[in-house]
Amino acid sequence: MAYRQEFTDNIASNLSLYYSGTSGRPFSYTIGGGANEDMVGDQGGAPLFYVPEDVSNLAFDPITDQDGNVLRTPEEQRADLRRFINNTESLSDSRGDYVTRNGDRTPFEGVVDLQFSVDFSGE
C-alpha cells in the first residue's frame, strides 16, 4: 500500500506500508556440531536428534559452576528433557526414532515495513 502527496511542483511526500506473513522457517533438532561431530561418527554436518522412548535410562552429569556448585542435578536435567519432549509435538511424535529433517517450524512471523520519505527536486 502506498500514498504520495505532492505539495508543490518541487516537494512531495511518500508513505508506504508493506506486510509479509509467513508460517515460520523450518528447522531440525540436531546433536553435536563442530568438534562434537566425532561422537556419532558423522562428518557431513550435525546429525539428527534421536528421541528416546523414555529419558529415565539416560545418564547425565551434574551441571556445575566454576566453583563446583551444582546448578542442575541429573534428575533435574532428566525432568527438563522429559518436559521439553512432551511439550514439543514433533519430538513427542518421534519417540524411539530420529526426528525428521526440517520437521519443525519457528512460530508464525509477521513483518510490517513502514517507509516515509520526502522528495525534493531542483527543477
PDB file of N, CA and C in Angstrom:
ATOM      1  N   MET A   1       0.851  -1.136   0.000  1.00  0.00           N
ATOM      2  CA  MET A   1       0.000   0.000   0.000  1.00  0.00           C
ATOM      3  C   MET A   1       0.914   1.221   0.000  1.00  0.00           C
ATOM      4  N   ALA A   2       0.606   2.199  -0.847  1.00  0.00           N
ATOM      5  CA  ALA A   2       1.447   3.387  -0.935  1.00  0.00           C
ATOM      6  C   ALA A   2       0.573   4.620  -1.161  1.00  0.00           C
ATOM      7  N   TYR A   3       1.063   5.741  -0.649  1.00  0.00           N
ATOM      8  CA  TYR A   3       0.370   7.012  -0.838  1.00  0.00           C
ATOM      9  C   TYR A   3       1.419   8.083  -1.115  1.00  0.00           C
ATOM     10  N   ARG A   4       1.138   8.955  -2.105  1.00  0.00           N
ATOM     11  CA  ARG A   4       2.049  10.057  -2.447  1.00  0.00           C
ATOM     12  C   ARG A   4       1.245  11.347  -2.414  1.00  0.00           C
ATOM     13  N   GLN A   5       1.778  12.339  -1.732  1.00  0.00           N
ATOM     14  CA  GLN A   5       1.145  13.663  -1.649  1.00  0.00           C
ATOM     15  C   GLN A   5       2.121  14.690  -2.211  1.00  0.00           C
ATOM     16  N   GLU A   6       1.684  15.365  -3.276  1.00  0.00           N
ATOM     17  CA  GLU A   6       2.514  16.425  -3.845  1.00  0.00           C
ATOM     18  C   GLU A   6       2.070  17.762  -3.260  1.00  0.00           C
ATOM     19  N   PHE A   7       3.026  18.471  -2.665  1.00  0.00           N
ATOM     20  CA  PHE A   7       2.733  19.758  -2.043  1.00  0.00           C
ATOM     21  C   PHE A   7       2.948  20.906  -3.028  1.00  0.00           C
ATOM     22  N   THR A   8       4.039  20.834  -3.752  1.00  0.00           N
ATOM     23  CA  THR A   8       4.344  21.807  -4.797  1.00  0.00           C
ATOM     24  C   THR A   8       4.933  21.043  -5.969  1.00  0.00           C
ATOM     25  N   ASP A   9       5.338  21.773  -7.001  1.00  0.00           N
ATOM     26  CA  ASP A   9       5.980  21.100  -8.129  1.00  0.00           C
ATOM     27  C   ASP A   9       7.316  20.492  -7.733  1.00  0.00           C
ATOM     28  N   ASN A  10       7.908  20.972  -6.627  1.00  0.00           N
ATOM     29  CA  ASN A  10       9.255  20.543  -6.229  1.00  0.00           C
ATOM     30  C   ASN A  10       9.278  19.669  -4.966  1.00  0.00           C
ATOM     31  N   ILE A  11       8.158  19.547  -4.258  1.00  0.00           N
ATOM     32  CA  ILE A  11       8.159  18.816  -2.981  1.00  0.00           C
ATOM     33  C   ILE A  11       6.981  17.835  -2.955  1.00  0.00           C
ATOM     34  N   ALA A  12       7.291  16.603  -2.581  1.00  0.00           N
ATOM     35  CA  ALA A  12       6.262  15.575  -2.434  1.00  0.00           C
ATOM     36  C   ALA A  12       6.663  14.644  -1.295  1.00  0.00           C
ATOM     37  N   SER A  13       5.673  14.062  -0.648  1.00  0.00           N
ATOM     38  CA  SER A  13       5.956  13.072   0.395  1.00  0.00           C
ATOM     39  C   SER A  13       5.391  11.719  -0.040  1.00  0.00           C
ATOM     40  N   ASN A  14       6.031  10.684   0.430  1.00  0.00           N
ATOM     41  CA  ASN A  14       5.633   9.320   0.099  1.00  0.00           C
ATOM     42  C   ASN A  14       5.481   8.522   1.392  1.00  0.00           C
ATOM     43  N   LEU A  15       4.430   7.766   1.470  1.00  0.00           N
ATOM     44  CA  LEU A  15       4.204   6.893   2.614  1.00  0.00           C
ATOM     45  C   LEU A  15       3.847   5.517   2.059  1.00  0.00           C
ATOM     46  N   SER A  16       4.577   4.502   2.485  1.00  0.00           N
ATOM     47  CA  SER A  16       4.267   3.153   2.017  1.00  0.00           C
ATOM     48  C   SER A  16       4.257   2.203   3.205  1.00  0.00           C
ATOM     49  N   LEU A  17       3.403   1.201   3.102  1.00  0.00           N
ATOM     50  CA  LEU A  17       3.248   0.196   4.138  1.00  0.00           C
ATOM     51  C   LEU A  17       3.264  -1.167   3.464  1.00  0.00           C
ATOM     52  N   TYR A  18       4.111  -2.066   3.975  1.00  0.00           N
ATOM     53  CA  TYR A  18       4.242  -3.403   3.408  1.00  0.00           C
ATOM     54  C   TYR A  18       4.124  -4.425   4.531  1.00  0.00           C
ATOM     55  N   TYR A  19       3.336  -5.469   4.336  1.00  0.00           N
ATOM     56  CA  TYR A  19       3.194  -6.533   5.319  1.00  0.00           C
ATOM     57  C   TYR A  19       3.556  -7.865   4.669  1.00  0.00           C
ATOM     58  N   SER A  20       4.306  -8.668   5.396  1.00  0.00           N
ATOM     59  CA  SER A  20       4.656 -10.007   4.939  1.00  0.00           C
ATOM     60  C   SER A  20       4.437 -10.970   6.097  1.00  0.00           C
ATOM     61  N   GLY A  21       3.653 -12.016   5.873  1.00  0.00           N
ATOM     62  CA  GLY A  21       3.412 -13.024   6.897  1.00  0.00           C
ATOM     63  C   GLY A  21       3.797 -14.395   6.384  1.00  0.00           C
ATOM     64  N   THR A  22       4.551 -15.136   7.195  1.00  0.00           N
ATOM     65  CA  THR A  22       4.965 -16.488   6.813  1.00  0.00           C
ATOM     66  C   THR A  22       4.697 -17.441   7.973  1.00  0.00           C
ATOM     67  N   SER A  23       4.597 -18.711   7.664  1.00  0.00           N
ATOM     68  CA  SER A  23       4.274 -19.711   8.679  1.00  0.00           C
ATOM     69  C   SER A  23       5.472 -20.087   9.543  1.00  0.00           C
ATOM     70  N   GLY A  24       6.583 -19.490   9.355  1.00  0.00           N
ATOM     71  CA  GLY A  24       7.778 -19.814  10.131  1.00  0.00           C
ATOM     72  C   GLY A  24       8.756 -20.617   9.304  1.00  0.00           C
ATOM     73  N   ARG A  25      10.005 -20.553   9.699  1.00  0.00           N
ATOM     74  CA  ARG A  25      11.062 -21.241   8.949  1.00  0.00           C
ATOM     75  C   ARG A  25      11.246 -22.655   9.471  1.00  0.00           C
ATOM     76  N   PRO A  26      11.476 -23.606   8.569  1.00  0.00           N
ATOM     77  CA  PRO A  26      11.700 -24.982   9.016  1.00  0.00           C
ATOM     78  C   PRO A  26      13.080 -25.135   9.666  1.00  0.00           C
ATOM     79  N   PHE A  27      13.152 -26.030  10.645  1.00  0.00           N
ATOM     80  CA  PHE A  27      14.440 -26.337  11.277  1.00  0.00           C
ATOM     81  C   PHE A  27      14.427 -27.770  11.761  1.00  0.00           C
ATOM     82  N   SER A  28      15.613 -28.267  12.085  1.00  0.00           N
ATOM     83  CA  SER A  28      15.784 -29.639  12.568  1.00  0.00           C
ATOM     84  C   SER A  28      16.407 -29.620  13.952  1.00  0.00           C
ATOM     85  N   TYR A  29      15.995 -30.559  14.790  1.00  0.00           N
ATOM     86  CA  TYR A  29      16.668 -30.768  16.066  1.00  0.00           C
ATOM     87  C   TYR A  29      17.873 -31.661  15.784  1.00  0.00           C
ATOM     88  N   THR A  30      19.052 -31.200  16.160  1.00  0.00           N
ATOM     89  CA  THR A  30      20.284 -31.941  15.902  1.00  0.00           C
ATOM     90  C   THR A  30      21.099 -32.059  17.176  1.00  0.00           C
ATOM     91  N   ILE A  31      22.099 -32.925  17.130  1.00  0.00           N
ATOM     92  CA  ILE A  31      23.056 -33.037  18.228  1.00  0.00           C
ATOM     93  C   ILE A  31      24.441 -32.796  17.665  1.00  0.00           C
ATOM     94  N   GLY A  32      25.346 -32.452  18.540  1.00  0.00           N
ATOM     95  CA  GLY A  32      26.730 -32.277  18.114  1.00  0.00           C
ATOM     96  C   GLY A  32      26.925 -31.004  17.337  1.00  0.00           C
ATOM     97  N   GLY A  33      27.808 -31.091  16.381  1.00  0.00           N
ATOM     98  CA  GLY A  33      28.202 -29.917  15.616  1.00  0.00           C
ATOM     99  C   GLY A  33      29.605 -29.537  16.026  1.00  0.00           C
ATOM    100  N   GLY A  34      30.376 -29.022  15.106  1.00  0.00           N
ATOM    101  CA  GLY A  34      31.746 -28.617  15.434  1.00  0.00           C
ATOM    102  C   GLY A  34      32.567 -29.808  15.868  1.00  0.00           C
ATOM    103  N   ALA A  35      33.250 -29.674  17.001  1.00  0.00           N
ATOM    104  CA  ALA A  35      34.134 -30.720  17.495  1.00  0.00           C
ATOM    105  C   ALA A  35      33.364 -31.955  17.966  1.00  0.00           C
ATOM    106  N   ASN A  36      32.073 -31.814  18.263  1.00  0.00           N
ATOM    107  CA  ASN A  36      31.292 -32.945  18.772  1.00  0.00           C
ATOM    108  C   ASN A  36      30.825 -33.902  17.682  1.00  0.00           C
ATOM    109  N   GLU A  37      31.088 -33.603  16.415  1.00  0.00           N
ATOM    110  CA  GLU A  37      30.620 -34.475  15.344  1.00  0.00           C
ATOM    111  C   GLU A  37      31.189 -35.880  15.478  1.00  0.00           C
ATOM    112  N   ASP A  38      32.391 -36.002  16.070  1.00  0.00           N
ATOM    113  CA  ASP A  38      33.016 -37.310  16.215  1.00  0.00           C
ATOM    114  C   ASP A  38      32.214 -38.238  17.122  1.00  0.00           C
ATOM    115  N   MET A  39      31.378 -37.679  18.005  1.00  0.00           N
ATOM    116  CA  MET A  39      30.702 -38.529  18.986  1.00  0.00           C
ATOM    117  C   MET A  39      29.713 -39.479  18.338  1.00  0.00           C
ATOM    118  N   VAL A  40      29.251 -39.176  17.129  1.00  0.00           N
ATOM    119  CA  VAL A  40      28.360 -40.104  16.429  1.00  0.00           C
ATOM    120  C   VAL A  40      28.922 -40.509  15.076  1.00  0.00           C
ATOM    121  N   GLY A  41      30.153 -40.134  14.784  1.00  0.00           N
ATOM    122  CA  GLY A  41      30.809 -40.542  13.560  1.00  0.00           C
ATOM    123  C   GLY A  41      30.244 -39.912  12.306  1.00  0.00           C
ATOM    124  N   ASP A  42      29.636 -38.754  12.408  1.00  0.00           N
ATOM    125  CA  ASP A  42      29.027 -38.093  11.250  1.00  0.00           C
ATOM    126  C   ASP A  42      29.901 -36.927  10.838  1.00  0.00           C
ATOM    127  N   GLN A  43      30.396 -36.958   9.618  1.00  0.00           N
ATOM    128  CA  GLN A  43      31.254 -35.875   9.132  1.00  0.00           C
ATOM    129  C   GLN A  43      30.522 -34.952   8.161  1.00  0.00           C
ATOM    130  N   GLY A  44      29.243 -35.207   7.879  1.00  0.00           N
ATOM    131  CA  GLY A  44      28.509 -34.429   6.896  1.00  0.00           C
ATOM    132  C   GLY A  44      27.624 -33.359   7.501  1.00  0.00           C
ATOM    133  N   GLY A  45      27.891 -32.938   8.716  1.00  0.00           N
ATOM    134  CA  GLY A  45      27.050 -31.949   9.372  1.00  0.00           C
ATOM    135  C   GLY A  45      26.484 -32.519  10.651  1.00  0.00           C
ATOM    136  N   ALA A  46      25.706 -31.702  11.341  1.00  0.00           N
ATOM    137  CA  ALA A  46      25.150 -32.133  12.624  1.00  0.00           C
ATOM    138  C   ALA A  46      24.098 -33.218  12.404  1.00  0.00           C
ATOM    139  N   PRO A  47      24.224 -34.353  13.101  1.00  0.00           N
ATOM    140  CA  PRO A  47      23.258 -35.440  12.931  1.00  0.00           C
ATOM    141  C   PRO A  47      21.923 -35.114  13.600  1.00  0.00           C
ATOM    142  N   LEU A  48      20.869 -35.710  13.076  1.00  0.00           N
ATOM    143  CA  LEU A  48      19.542 -35.517  13.640  1.00  0.00           C
ATOM    144  C   LEU A  48      19.458 -36.120  15.036  1.00  0.00           C
ATOM    145  N   PHE A  49      18.629 -35.530  15.864  1.00  0.00           N
ATOM    146  CA  PHE A  49      18.453 -35.928  17.259  1.00  0.00           C
ATOM    147  C   PHE A  49      17.620 -37.201  17.343  1.00  0.00           C
ATOM    148  N   TYR A  50      18.088 -38.156  18.129  1.00  0.00           N
ATOM    149  CA  TYR A  50      17.320 -39.363  18.415  1.00  0.00           C
ATOM    150  C   TYR A  50      16.504 -39.096  19.670  1.00  0.00           C
ATOM    151  N   VAL A  51      15.190 -39.290  19.591  1.00  0.00           N
ATOM    152  CA  VAL A  51      14.310 -39.042  20.740  1.00  0.00           C
ATOM    153  C   VAL A  51      14.101 -40.364  21.465  1.00  0.00           C
ATOM    154  N   PRO A  52      14.587 -40.466  22.703  1.00  0.00           N
ATOM    155  CA  PRO A  52      14.426 -41.733  23.424  1.00  0.00           C
ATOM    156  C   PRO A  52      12.965 -41.980  23.791  1.00  0.00           C
ATOM    157  N   GLU A  53      12.610 -43.254  23.878  1.00  0.00           N
ATOM    158  CA  GLU A  53      11.253 -43.608  24.325  1.00  0.00           C
ATOM    159  C   GLU A  53      11.033 -43.097  25.746  1.00  0.00           C
ATOM    160  N   ASP A  54      12.063 -43.258  26.589  1.00  0.00           N
ATOM    161  CA  ASP A  54      11.965 -42.843  27.994  1.00  0.00           C
ATOM    162  C   ASP A  54      13.309 -42.269  28.416  1.00  0.00           C
ATOM    163  N   VAL A  55      13.311 -41.107  29.012  1.00  0.00           N
ATOM    164  CA  VAL A  55      14.563 -40.444  29.391  1.00  0.00           C
ATOM    165  C   VAL A  55      15.138 -40.977  30.700  1.00  0.00           C
ATOM    166  N   SER A  56      14.430 -41.868  31.390  1.00  0.00           N
ATOM    167  CA  SER A  56      14.916 -42.354  32.682  1.00  0.00           C
ATOM    168  C   SER A  56      16.198 -43.160  32.550  1.00  0.00           C
ATOM    169  N   ASN A  57      16.492 -43.705  31.371  1.00  0.00           N
ATOM    170  CA  ASN A  57      17.702 -44.503  31.171  1.00  0.00           C
ATOM    171  C   ASN A  57      18.905 -43.662  30.774  1.00  0.00           C
ATOM    172  N   LEU A  58      18.726 -42.379  30.524  1.00  0.00           N
ATOM    173  CA  LEU A  58      19.829 -41.528  30.089  1.00  0.00           C
ATOM    174  C   LEU A  58      20.698 -41.118  31.274  1.00  0.00           C
ATOM    175  N   ALA A  59      21.998 -41.056  31.032  1.00  0.00           N
ATOM    176  CA  ALA A  59      22.950 -40.656  32.067  1.00  0.00           C
ATOM    177  C   ALA A  59      23.313 -39.182  31.883  1.00  0.00           C
ATOM    178  N   PHE A  60      23.221 -38.419  32.942  1.00  0.00           N
ATOM    179  CA  PHE A  60      23.577 -37.010  32.933  1.00  0.00           C
ATOM    180  C   PHE A  60      24.613 -36.755  34.010  1.00  0.00           C
ATOM    181  N   ASP A  61      25.528 -35.846  33.738  1.00  0.00           N
ATOM    182  CA  ASP A  61      26.453 -35.360  34.756  1.00  0.00           C
ATOM    183  C   ASP A  61      25.859 -34.101  35.354  1.00  0.00           C
ATOM    184  N   PRO A  62      26.154 -33.830  36.624  1.00  0.00           N
ATOM    185  CA  PRO A  62      25.658 -32.577  37.201  1.00  0.00           C
ATOM    186  C   PRO A  62      26.254 -31.377  36.453  1.00  0.00           C
ATOM    187  N   ILE A  63      25.477 -30.332  36.314  1.00  0.00           N
ATOM    188  CA  ILE A  63      25.974 -29.081  35.738  1.00  0.00           C
ATOM    189  C   ILE A  63      26.428 -28.221  36.904  1.00  0.00           C
ATOM    190  N   THR A  64      27.697 -27.821  36.859  1.00  0.00           N
ATOM    191  CA  THR A  64      28.265 -27.045  37.965  1.00  0.00           C
ATOM    192  C   THR A  64      28.801 -25.714  37.467  1.00  0.00           C
ATOM    193  N   ASP A  65      28.946 -24.785  38.398  1.00  0.00           N
ATOM    194  CA  ASP A  65      29.574 -23.512  38.056  1.00  0.00           C
ATOM    195  C   ASP A  65      31.078 -23.644  38.262  1.00  0.00           C
ATOM    196  N   GLN A  66      31.813 -22.541  38.065  1.00  0.00           N
ATOM    197  CA  GLN A  66      33.276 -22.596  38.158  1.00  0.00           C
ATOM    198  C   GLN A  66      33.771 -22.923  39.564  1.00  0.00           C
ATOM    199  N   ASP A  67      32.904 -22.756  40.577  1.00  0.00           N
ATOM    200  CA  ASP A  67      33.295 -23.076  41.950  1.00  0.00           C
ATOM    201  C   ASP A  67      32.896 -24.487  42.362  1.00  0.00           C
ATOM    202  N   GLY A  68      32.295 -25.232  41.459  1.00  0.00           N
ATOM    203  CA  GLY A  68      31.889 -26.597  41.762  1.00  0.00           C
ATOM    204  C   GLY A  68      30.503 -26.720  42.359  1.00  0.00           C
ATOM    205  N   ASN A  69      29.768 -25.623  42.477  1.00  0.00           N
ATOM    206  CA  ASN A  69      28.396 -25.682  42.991  1.00  0.00           C
ATOM    207  C   ASN A  69      27.483 -26.295  41.938  1.00  0.00           C
ATOM    208  N   VAL A  70      26.636 -27.202  42.350  1.00  0.00           N
ATOM    209  CA  VAL A  70      25.728 -27.876  41.420  1.00  0.00           C
ATOM    210  C   VAL A  70      24.581 -26.937  41.053  1.00  0.00           C
ATOM    211  N   LEU A  71      24.458 -26.675  39.758  1.00  0.00           N
ATOM    212  CA  LEU A  71      23.383 -25.816  39.260  1.00  0.00           C
ATOM    213  C   LEU A  71      22.163 -26.631  38.840  1.00  0.00           C
ATOM    214  N   ARG A  72      22.394 -27.788  38.218  1.00  0.00           N
ATOM    215  CA  ARG A  72      21.315 -28.682  37.797  1.00  0.00           C
ATOM    216  C   ARG A  72      21.763 -30.109  38.065  1.00  0.00           C
ATOM    217  N   THR A  73      20.987 -30.835  38.847  1.00  0.00           N
ATOM    218  CA  THR A  73      21.293 -32.235  39.133  1.00  0.00           C
ATOM    219  C   THR A  73      20.901 -33.090  37.925  1.00  0.00           C
ATOM    220  N   PRO A  74      21.418 -34.326  37.861  1.00  0.00           N
ATOM    221  CA  PRO A  74      20.995 -35.218  36.782  1.00  0.00           C
ATOM    222  C   PRO A  74      19.475 -35.431  36.759  1.00  0.00           C
ATOM    223  N   GLU A  75      18.859 -35.530  37.916  1.00  0.00           N
ATOM    224  CA  GLU A  75      17.405 -35.726  37.986  1.00  0.00           C
ATOM    225  C   GLU A  75      16.662 -34.514  37.418  1.00  0.00           C
ATOM    226  N   GLU A  76      17.150 -33.312  37.729  1.00  0.00           N
ATOM    227  CA  GLU A  76      16.513 -32.100  37.194  1.00  0.00           C
ATOM    228  C   GLU A  76      16.668 -32.026  35.674  1.00  0.00           C
ATOM    229  N   GLN A  77      17.833 -32.395  35.173  1.00  0.00           N
ATOM    230  CA  GLN A  77      18.055 -32.386  33.725  1.00  0.00           C
ATOM    231  C   GLN A  77      17.158 -33.401  33.029  1.00  0.00           C
ATOM    232  N   ARG A  78      17.002 -34.578  33.630  1.00  0.00           N
ATOM    233  CA  ARG A  78      16.132 -35.604  33.073  1.00  0.00           C
ATOM    234  C   ARG A  78      14.685 -35.099  33.012  1.00  0.00           C
ATOM    235  N   ALA A  79      14.238 -34.447  34.087  1.00  0.00           N
ATOM    236  CA  ALA A  79      12.876 -33.898  34.128  1.00  0.00           C
ATOM    237  C   ALA A  79      12.722 -32.783  33.097  1.00  0.00           C
ATOM    238  N   ASP A  80      13.755 -31.957  32.935  1.00  0.00           N
ATOM    239  CA  ASP A  80      13.713 -30.879  31.928  1.00  0.00           C
ATOM    240  C   ASP A  80      13.570 -31.452  30.525  1.00  0.00           C
ATOM    241  N   LEU A  81      14.366 -32.492  30.214  1.00  0.00           N
ATOM    242  CA  LEU A  81      14.305 -33.106  28.887  1.00  0.00           C
ATOM    243  C   LEU A  81      12.950 -33.767  28.662  1.00  0.00           C
ATOM    244  N   ARG A  82      12.446 -34.471  29.672  1.00  0.00           N
ATOM    245  CA  ARG A  82      11.125 -35.116  29.561  1.00  0.00           C
ATOM    246  C   ARG A  82      10.050 -34.061  29.273  1.00  0.00           C
ATOM    247  N   ARG A  83      10.077 -32.960  29.997  1.00  0.00           N
ATOM    248  CA  ARG A  83       9.100 -31.879  29.812  1.00  0.00           C
ATOM    249  C   ARG A  83       9.243 -31.259  28.413  1.00  0.00           C
ATOM    250  N   PHE A  84      10.482 -31.050  27.956  1.00  0.00           N
ATOM    251  CA  PHE A  84      10.717 -30.469  26.636  1.00  0.00           C
ATOM    252  C   PHE A  84      10.160 -31.379  25.536  1.00  0.00           C
ATOM    253  N   ILE A  85      10.422 -32.681  25.633  1.00  0.00           N
ATOM    254  CA  ILE A  85       9.921 -33.628  24.636  1.00  0.00           C
ATOM    255  C   ILE A  85       8.394 -33.675  24.671  1.00  0.00           C
ATOM    256  N   ASN A  86       7.822 -33.737  25.873  1.00  0.00           N
ATOM    257  CA  ASN A  86       6.364 -33.805  25.992  1.00  0.00           C
ATOM    258  C   ASN A  86       5.675 -32.558  25.450  1.00  0.00           C
ATOM    259  N   ASN A  87       6.321 -31.395  25.554  1.00  0.00           N
ATOM    260  CA  ASN A  87       5.702 -30.136  25.139  1.00  0.00           C
ATOM    261  C   ASN A  87       6.047 -29.730  23.711  1.00  0.00           C
ATOM    262  N   THR A  88       6.796 -30.565  22.993  1.00  0.00           N
ATOM    263  CA  THR A  88       7.159 -30.281  21.608  1.00  0.00           C
ATOM    264  C   THR A  88       6.594 -31.401  20.744  1.00  0.00           C
ATOM    265  N   GLU A  89       5.566 -31.078  19.970  1.00  0.00           N
ATOM    266  CA  GLU A  89       4.825 -32.097  19.225  1.00  0.00           C
ATOM    267  C   GLU A  89       5.720 -32.937  18.318  1.00  0.00           C
ATOM    268  N   SER A  90       6.630 -32.287  17.575  1.00  0.00           N
ATOM    269  CA  SER A  90       7.463 -33.053  16.640  1.00  0.00           C
ATOM    270  C   SER A  90       8.408 -33.996  17.375  1.00  0.00           C
ATOM    271  N   LEU A  91       8.846 -33.646  18.574  1.00  0.00           N
ATOM    272  CA  LEU A  91       9.699 -34.548  19.351  1.00  0.00           C
ATOM    273  C   LEU A  91       8.878 -35.668  19.974  1.00  0.00           C
ATOM    274  N   SER A  92       7.744 -35.311  20.526  1.00  0.00           N
ATOM    275  CA  SER A  92       6.879 -36.315  21.150  1.00  0.00           C
ATOM    276  C   SER A  92       6.430 -37.368  20.145  1.00  0.00           C
ATOM    277  N   ASP A  93       6.148 -36.935  18.916  1.00  0.00           N
ATOM    278  CA  ASP A  93       5.728 -37.868  17.859  1.00  0.00           C
ATOM    279  C   ASP A  93       6.879 -38.747  17.367  1.00  0.00           C
ATOM    280  N   SER A  94       8.125 -38.381  17.672  1.00  0.00           N
ATOM    281  CA  SER A  94       9.294 -39.115  17.168  1.00  0.00           C
ATOM    282  C   SER A  94       9.916 -40.025  18.213  1.00  0.00           C
ATOM    283  N   ARG A  95       9.230 -40.285  19.319  1.00  0.00           N
ATOM    284  CA  ARG A  95       9.809 -41.131  20.372  1.00  0.00           C
ATOM    285  C   ARG A  95      10.265 -42.474  19.800  1.00  0.00           C
ATOM    286  N   GLY A  96      11.494 -42.859  20.179  1.00  0.00           N
ATOM    287  CA  GLY A  96      12.051 -44.119  19.718  1.00  0.00           C
ATOM    288  C   GLY A  96      12.600 -44.060  18.307  1.00  0.00           C
ATOM    289  N   ASP A  97      12.774 -42.860  17.771  1.00  0.00           N
ATOM    290  CA  ASP A  97      13.246 -42.714  16.402  1.00  0.00           C
ATOM    291  C   ASP A  97      13.980 -41.379  16.273  1.00  0.00           C
ATOM    292  N   TYR A  98      14.591 -41.161  15.124  1.00  0.00           N
ATOM    293  CA  TYR A  98      15.229 -39.887  14.834  1.00  0.00           C
ATOM    294  C   TYR A  98      14.170 -38.890  14.362  1.00  0.00           C
ATOM    295  N   VAL A  99      14.381 -37.624  14.661  1.00  0.00           N
ATOM    296  CA  VAL A  99      13.451 -36.597  14.195  1.00  0.00           C
ATOM    297  C   VAL A  99      13.579 -36.461  12.682  1.00  0.00           C
ATOM    298  N   THR A 100      12.569 -35.901  12.074  1.00  0.00           N
ATOM    299  CA  THR A 100      12.571 -35.656  10.634  1.00  0.00           C
ATOM    300  C   THR A 100      13.341 -34.376  10.346  1.00  0.00           C
ATOM    301  N   ARG A 101      14.180 -34.412   9.297  1.00  0.00           N
ATOM    302  CA  ARG A 101      14.908 -33.197   8.919  1.00  0.00           C
ATOM    303  C   ARG A 101      13.902 -32.121   8.528  1.00  0.00           C
ATOM    304  N   ASN A 102      14.102 -30.915   9.056  1.00  0.00           N
ATOM    305  CA  ASN A 102      13.193 -29.785   8.853  1.00  0.00           C
ATOM    306  C   ASN A 102      11.768 -30.133   9.278  1.00  0.00           C
ATOM    307  N   GLY A 103      11.650 -30.932  10.332  1.00  0.00           N
ATOM    308  CA  GLY A 103      10.347 -31.405  10.781  1.00  0.00           C
ATOM    309  C   GLY A 103       9.605 -30.466  11.703  1.00  0.00           C
ATOM    310  N   ASP A 104      10.189 -29.336  12.050  1.00  0.00           N
ATOM    311  CA  ASP A 104       9.504 -28.367  12.910  1.00  0.00           C
ATOM    312  C   ASP A 104       9.665 -26.983  12.304  1.00  0.00           C
ATOM    313  N   ARG A 105       8.857 -26.063  12.757  1.00  0.00           N
ATOM    314  CA  ARG A 105       8.892 -24.691  12.228  1.00  0.00           C
ATOM    315  C   ARG A 105       8.923 -23.696  13.371  1.00  0.00           C
ATOM    316  N   THR A 106       9.563 -22.563  13.100  1.00  0.00           N
ATOM    317  CA  THR A 106       9.521 -21.465  14.056  1.00  0.00           C
ATOM    318  C   THR A 106       8.091 -20.918  14.071  1.00  0.00           C
ATOM    319  N   PRO A 107       7.742 -20.115  15.065  1.00  0.00           N
ATOM    320  CA  PRO A 107       6.380 -19.555  15.107  1.00  0.00           C
ATOM    321  C   PRO A 107       6.097 -18.670  13.896  1.00  0.00           C
ATOM    322  N   PHE A 108       4.804 -18.434  13.657  1.00  0.00           N
ATOM    323  CA  PHE A 108       4.369 -17.558  12.571  1.00  0.00           C
ATOM    324  C   PHE A 108       5.067 -16.212  12.713  1.00  0.00           C
ATOM    325  N   GLU A 109       5.540 -15.672  11.596  1.00  0.00           N
ATOM    326  CA  GLU A 109       6.238 -14.395  11.604  1.00  0.00           C
ATOM    327  C   GLU A 109       5.471 -13.385  10.770  1.00  0.00           C
ATOM    328  N   GLY A 110       5.212 -12.237  11.343  1.00  0.00           N
ATOM    329  CA  GLY A 110       4.597 -11.139  10.611  1.00  0.00           C
ATOM    330  C   GLY A 110       5.530  -9.939  10.664  1.00  0.00           C
ATOM    331  N   VAL A 111       5.841  -9.387   9.507  1.00  0.00           N
ATOM    332  CA  VAL A 111       6.747  -8.249   9.421  1.00  0.00           C
ATOM    333  C   VAL A 111       5.999  -7.092   8.753  1.00  0.00           C
ATOM    334  N   VAL A 112       6.048  -5.942   9.395  1.00  0.00           N
ATOM    335  CA  VAL A 112       5.445  -4.736   8.841  1.00  0.00           C
ATOM    336  C   VAL A 112       6.557  -3.730   8.586  1.00  0.00           C
ATOM    337  N   ASP A 113       6.649  -3.247   7.347  1.00  0.00           N
ATOM    338  CA  ASP A 113       7.627  -2.222   6.987  1.00  0.00           C
ATOM    339  C   ASP A 113       6.864  -0.947   6.648  1.00  0.00           C
ATOM    340  N   LEU A 114       7.238   0.118   7.320  1.00  0.00           N
ATOM    341  CA  LEU A 114       6.640   1.423   7.078  1.00  0.00           C
ATOM    342  C   LEU A 114       7.752   2.357   6.617  1.00  0.00           C
ATOM    343  N   GLN A 115       7.531   3.054   5.503  1.00  0.00           N
ATOM    344  CA  GLN A 115       8.548   3.962   4.976  1.00  0.00           C
ATOM    345  C   GLN A 115       7.895   5.312   4.703  1.00  0.00           C
ATOM    346  N   PHE A 116       8.582   6.345   5.141  1.00  0.00           N
ATOM    347  CA  PHE A 116       8.153   7.709   4.857  1.00  0.00           C
ATOM    348  C   PHE A 116       9.336   8.446   4.249  1.00  0.00           C
ATOM    349  N   SER A 117       9.100   9.160   3.158  1.00  0.00           N
ATOM    350  CA  SER A 117      10.171   9.919   2.544  1.00  0.00           C
ATOM    351  C   SER A 117       9.606  11.218   1.967  1.00  0.00           C
ATOM    352  N   VAL A 118      10.494  12.176   1.829  1.00  0.00           N
ATOM    353  CA  VAL A 118      10.149  13.468   1.216  1.00  0.00           C
ATOM    354  C   VAL A 118      11.070  13.643   0.011  1.00  0.00           C
ATOM    355  N   ASP A 119      10.472  13.953  -1.124  1.00  0.00           N
ATOM    356  CA  ASP A 119      11.232  14.166  -2.357  1.00  0.00           C
ATOM    357  C   ASP A 119      11.339  15.659  -2.633  1.00  0.00           C
ATOM    358  N   PHE A 120      12.560  16.105  -2.882  1.00  0.00           N
ATOM    359  CA  PHE A 120      12.818  17.493  -3.300  1.00  0.00           C
ATOM    360  C   PHE A 120      13.433  17.452  -4.683  1.00  0.00           C
ATOM    361  N   SER A 121      12.913  18.247  -5.580  1.00  0.00           N
ATOM    362  CA  SER A 121      13.521  18.325  -6.901  1.00  0.00           C
ATOM    363  C   SER A 121      13.957  19.764  -7.144  1.00  0.00           C
ATOM    364  N   GLY A 122      15.006  19.905  -7.894  1.00  0.00           N
ATOM    365  CA  GLY A 122      15.584  21.227  -8.114  1.00  0.00           C
ATOM    366  C   GLY A 122      15.177  21.855  -9.429  1.00  0.00           C
ATOM    367  N   GLU A 123      14.098  21.445 -10.002  1.00  0.00           N
ATOM    368  CA  GLU A 123      13.688  21.988 -11.300  1.00  0.00           C
ATOM    369  C   GLU A 123      13.005  23.309 -11.137  1.00  0.00           C
TER     370      GLU A 123
END
